[in-house]
Protein backbone atom coordinates (compact mmCIF):
# COMPACT_ATOMS: atom_id res chain seq x y z
CA MET A 1 -6.90 -5.92 -17.13
CA GLN A 2 -5.16 -4.04 -19.88
CA ILE A 3 -4.67 -0.38 -19.01
CA LYS A 4 -3.49 2.87 -20.81
CA ARG A 5 -1.01 4.00 -18.82
CA ALA A 6 0.49 7.60 -18.50
CA TYR A 7 4.21 7.85 -17.20
CA THR A 8 5.10 8.52 -13.42
CA ASN A 9 8.28 8.66 -11.64
CA TRP A 10 6.35 6.93 -8.67
CA HIS A 11 7.75 4.33 -6.52
CA VAL A 12 5.54 1.92 -4.36
CA ILE A 13 6.55 0.11 -1.13
CA THR A 14 4.33 -2.49 -0.98
CA GLY A 15 3.96 -5.90 0.74
CA GLY A 16 1.39 -7.67 3.48
CA PRO A 17 0.91 -6.55 6.99
CA SER A 18 3.78 -6.10 9.07
CA THR A 19 6.52 -6.37 6.45
CA GLY A 20 8.54 -2.93 7.44
CA LYS A 21 6.73 -0.23 5.01
CA THR A 22 6.51 2.16 7.36
CA THR A 23 9.94 2.02 8.70
CA VAL A 24 11.35 1.59 5.01
CA ILE A 25 9.24 5.01 4.06
CA ASN A 26 10.33 6.78 7.42
CA MET A 27 14.13 5.97 6.60
CA LEU A 28 13.40 7.40 2.91
CA ASP A 29 11.58 10.35 4.07
CA GLU A 30 14.58 10.96 6.70
CA ARG A 31 17.12 11.14 3.68
CA GLY A 32 14.88 13.87 1.86
CA TYR A 33 12.84 11.74 -0.57
CA ASN A 34 9.32 12.68 -1.26
CA THR A 35 7.09 10.23 0.60
CA THR A 36 3.51 9.22 1.30
CA ILE A 37 2.02 8.10 4.43
CA GLU A 38 -0.16 4.64 4.77
CA HIS A 39 -4.12 5.55 4.70
CA ALA A 40 -5.47 2.68 6.41
CA ARG A 41 -3.72 3.42 9.66
CA HIS A 42 -4.46 6.94 9.01
CA TYR A 43 -8.07 6.52 8.39
CA ILE A 44 -7.93 4.62 11.68
CA ASP A 45 -6.23 6.90 13.82
CA THR A 46 -8.85 9.80 12.49
CA MET A 47 -12.09 7.95 13.03
CA ARG A 48 -10.52 6.68 16.46
CA ILE A 49 -10.22 10.49 17.48
CA GLU A 50 -14.19 10.81 16.12
CA GLY A 51 -15.02 7.87 19.20
CA GLN A 52 -14.72 4.88 17.00
CA THR A 53 -12.67 1.40 17.97
CA VAL A 54 -10.93 0.08 15.43
CA GLU A 55 -13.47 -3.18 15.72
CA ASP A 56 -16.32 -0.97 14.81
CA LEU A 57 -14.47 0.20 11.81
CA LYS A 58 -13.13 -3.17 10.56
CA ASN A 59 -17.01 -4.53 11.16
CA ASN A 60 -17.92 -2.39 7.91
CA LYS A 61 -15.35 -3.86 5.77
CA ARG A 62 -17.08 -1.78 2.46
CA LYS A 63 -17.22 1.66 4.11
CA PHE A 64 -13.45 1.14 5.89
CA GLN A 65 -11.99 0.09 2.29
CA LEU A 66 -13.67 3.07 0.45
CA GLY A 67 -12.77 5.34 3.31
CA VAL A 68 -9.10 4.31 2.84
CA LEU A 69 -9.34 4.14 -1.07
CA ASP A 70 -10.85 7.95 -1.05
CA MET A 71 -7.78 9.32 0.52
CA GLN A 72 -5.37 7.09 -1.34
CA ILE A 73 -7.22 8.61 -4.47
CA GLU A 74 -7.13 12.03 -3.46
CA GLN A 75 -3.43 11.76 -2.34
CA GLU A 76 -2.10 10.46 -5.73
CA ASN A 77 -4.23 12.72 -7.48
CA ALA A 78 -2.07 15.52 -5.67
CA ILE A 79 0.93 14.11 -6.85
CA GLN A 80 3.19 15.48 -10.00
CA PRO A 81 3.77 12.43 -12.20
CA LYS A 82 7.54 13.87 -13.03
CA ASP A 83 7.83 13.96 -8.93
CA LEU A 84 10.31 11.42 -7.40
CA VAL A 85 7.75 9.88 -4.86
CA PHE A 86 7.75 6.83 -2.85
CA LEU A 87 4.41 5.80 -1.93
CA ASP A 88 3.57 3.78 1.33
CA ARG A 89 0.86 1.62 -0.31
CA ALA A 90 -1.35 2.55 -3.56
CA ILE A 91 -4.38 2.24 -5.11
CA PRO A 92 -3.87 -1.27 -6.22
CA ASP A 93 -3.26 -2.80 -2.92
CA ALA A 94 -6.77 -2.37 -2.47
CA MET A 95 -7.77 -4.60 -4.67
CA ALA A 96 -5.51 -7.55 -2.83
CA TYR A 97 -7.73 -6.19 0.53
CA TYR A 98 -11.05 -6.39 -1.30
CA GLN A 99 -10.04 -10.05 -2.41
CA PHE A 100 -8.82 -10.79 0.95
CA LEU A 101 -12.08 -9.58 2.37
CA MET A 102 -14.33 -11.02 -0.12
CA LEU A 103 -15.74 -8.01 -1.46
CA ASP A 104 -16.77 -7.54 -4.76
CA TYR A 105 -14.90 -4.70 -6.66
CA ASP A 106 -17.02 -1.72 -6.93
CA GLU A 107 -16.87 1.11 -9.72
CA LYS A 108 -14.65 3.44 -7.79
CA LEU A 109 -11.99 0.88 -7.08
CA LEU A 110 -11.77 -0.24 -10.81
CA ASN A 111 -11.79 3.57 -12.13
CA ALA A 112 -9.22 4.28 -10.05
CA VAL A 113 -7.13 1.52 -10.91
CA LYS A 114 -7.55 2.39 -14.56
CA ASN A 115 -6.05 5.52 -14.08
CA THR A 116 -2.95 4.18 -11.93
CA SER A 117 0.78 4.56 -13.33
CA TYR A 118 3.93 3.97 -11.48
CA LYS A 119 7.37 3.11 -12.21
CA LYS A 120 8.16 0.70 -10.16
CA ILE A 121 6.85 -1.70 -7.22
CA PHE A 122 9.22 -2.73 -4.47
CA ILE A 123 7.13 -5.60 -2.55
CA LEU A 124 9.31 -6.16 1.08
CA ASP A 125 9.43 -9.84 2.05
CA ARG A 126 7.74 -10.65 4.66
CA LEU A 127 8.93 -9.98 8.23
CA PRO A 128 7.84 -11.77 11.91
CA PHE A 129 4.24 -10.72 12.52
CA ILE A 130 4.09 -7.92 14.98
CA LYS A 131 0.29 -7.28 16.01
CA ASP A 132 -0.69 -3.51 17.30
CA TYR A 133 -3.60 -1.32 17.79
CA ALA A 134 -4.32 -1.11 14.05
CA ARG A 135 -3.87 -4.60 12.94
CA THR A 136 -6.41 -6.94 13.30
CA GLU A 137 -5.07 -9.53 10.97
CA ASP A 138 -2.75 -12.48 12.45
CA GLU A 139 0.27 -14.41 10.71
CA GLU A 140 -1.77 -16.35 8.37
CA ASP A 141 -3.88 -13.52 7.29
CA GLN A 142 -0.48 -11.43 6.77
CA LYS A 143 1.01 -14.41 4.29
CA LYS A 144 -2.63 -14.33 2.26
CA ILE A 145 -2.47 -10.76 1.86
CA HIS A 146 0.79 -10.42 0.84
CA GLN A 147 0.40 -13.01 -1.71
CA LEU A 148 -2.26 -11.26 -3.07
CA ILE A 149 -0.94 -8.21 -3.03
CA ILE A 150 1.72 -9.80 -5.07
CA GLU A 151 -1.04 -11.58 -7.61
CA VAL A 152 -2.64 -8.23 -8.37
CA TYR A 153 0.43 -6.22 -8.92
CA THR A 154 1.32 -8.82 -11.52
CA SER A 155 -1.74 -8.80 -12.91
CA LEU A 156 -1.55 -5.26 -13.67
CA GLY A 157 1.77 -5.42 -15.51
CA PHE A 158 3.76 -3.62 -13.34
CA PRO A 159 7.53 -4.31 -12.82
CA ILE A 160 8.35 -5.65 -9.48
CA ILE A 161 11.11 -5.53 -7.32
CA HIS A 162 11.07 -8.15 -4.61
CA VAL A 163 12.99 -6.60 -1.46
CA PRO A 164 14.92 -9.19 0.62
CA VAL A 165 14.64 -9.47 4.45
CA LEU A 166 17.90 -7.06 5.38
CA PRO A 167 18.36 -4.81 8.34
CA PRO A 168 16.41 -1.43 7.49
CA ASN A 169 19.42 0.78 6.18
CA GLU A 170 20.23 -2.13 3.83
CA ARG A 171 16.76 -2.66 2.70
CA VAL A 172 16.49 1.32 1.86
CA GLU A 173 19.95 1.15 -0.29
CA PHE A 174 18.38 -1.94 -2.16
CA ILE A 175 15.60 0.19 -2.84
CA LEU A 176 17.59 3.19 -4.10
CA ASN A 177 19.74 0.74 -6.07
CA ASN A 178 17.10 -0.46 -8.25
CA ILE A 179 15.04 3.15 -8.93
């Protein structure tokens, strides 16, 4: 996919489920950097307040993915391109999840991806899988999703930096030393 991109100063922190993204994002936030939230978990939390279960949400895969995508698009549209921001996942992550769930890309996703621009993509190497209330995947799914995320960002031509498994503070330092 050939895309004309504008410059941004946005850095994506991504990887499969349970790779430490939120921990890294929270630590960057604590150091005073602008960060974003992960929208899948936020969407789940919002819908749970409205009485839906995680299983209900995940059973309608397309509706779930579109709900998360809408939140991600809205958030990215609100960020100034010049601002240094660390994103907990970004719009192209949706492409990996669509592939994993065997959903065809829809126009909303394709149009959103055409308008994306990120300075660097930091892909966190996998950690041992930990299940929680929002994760319905297992360790095999984690591996597949992680690989799909690598493939998506590679195919889109973004600069990728793989972040090795290190103690959380060292992961943050590694990222900051590579921005």
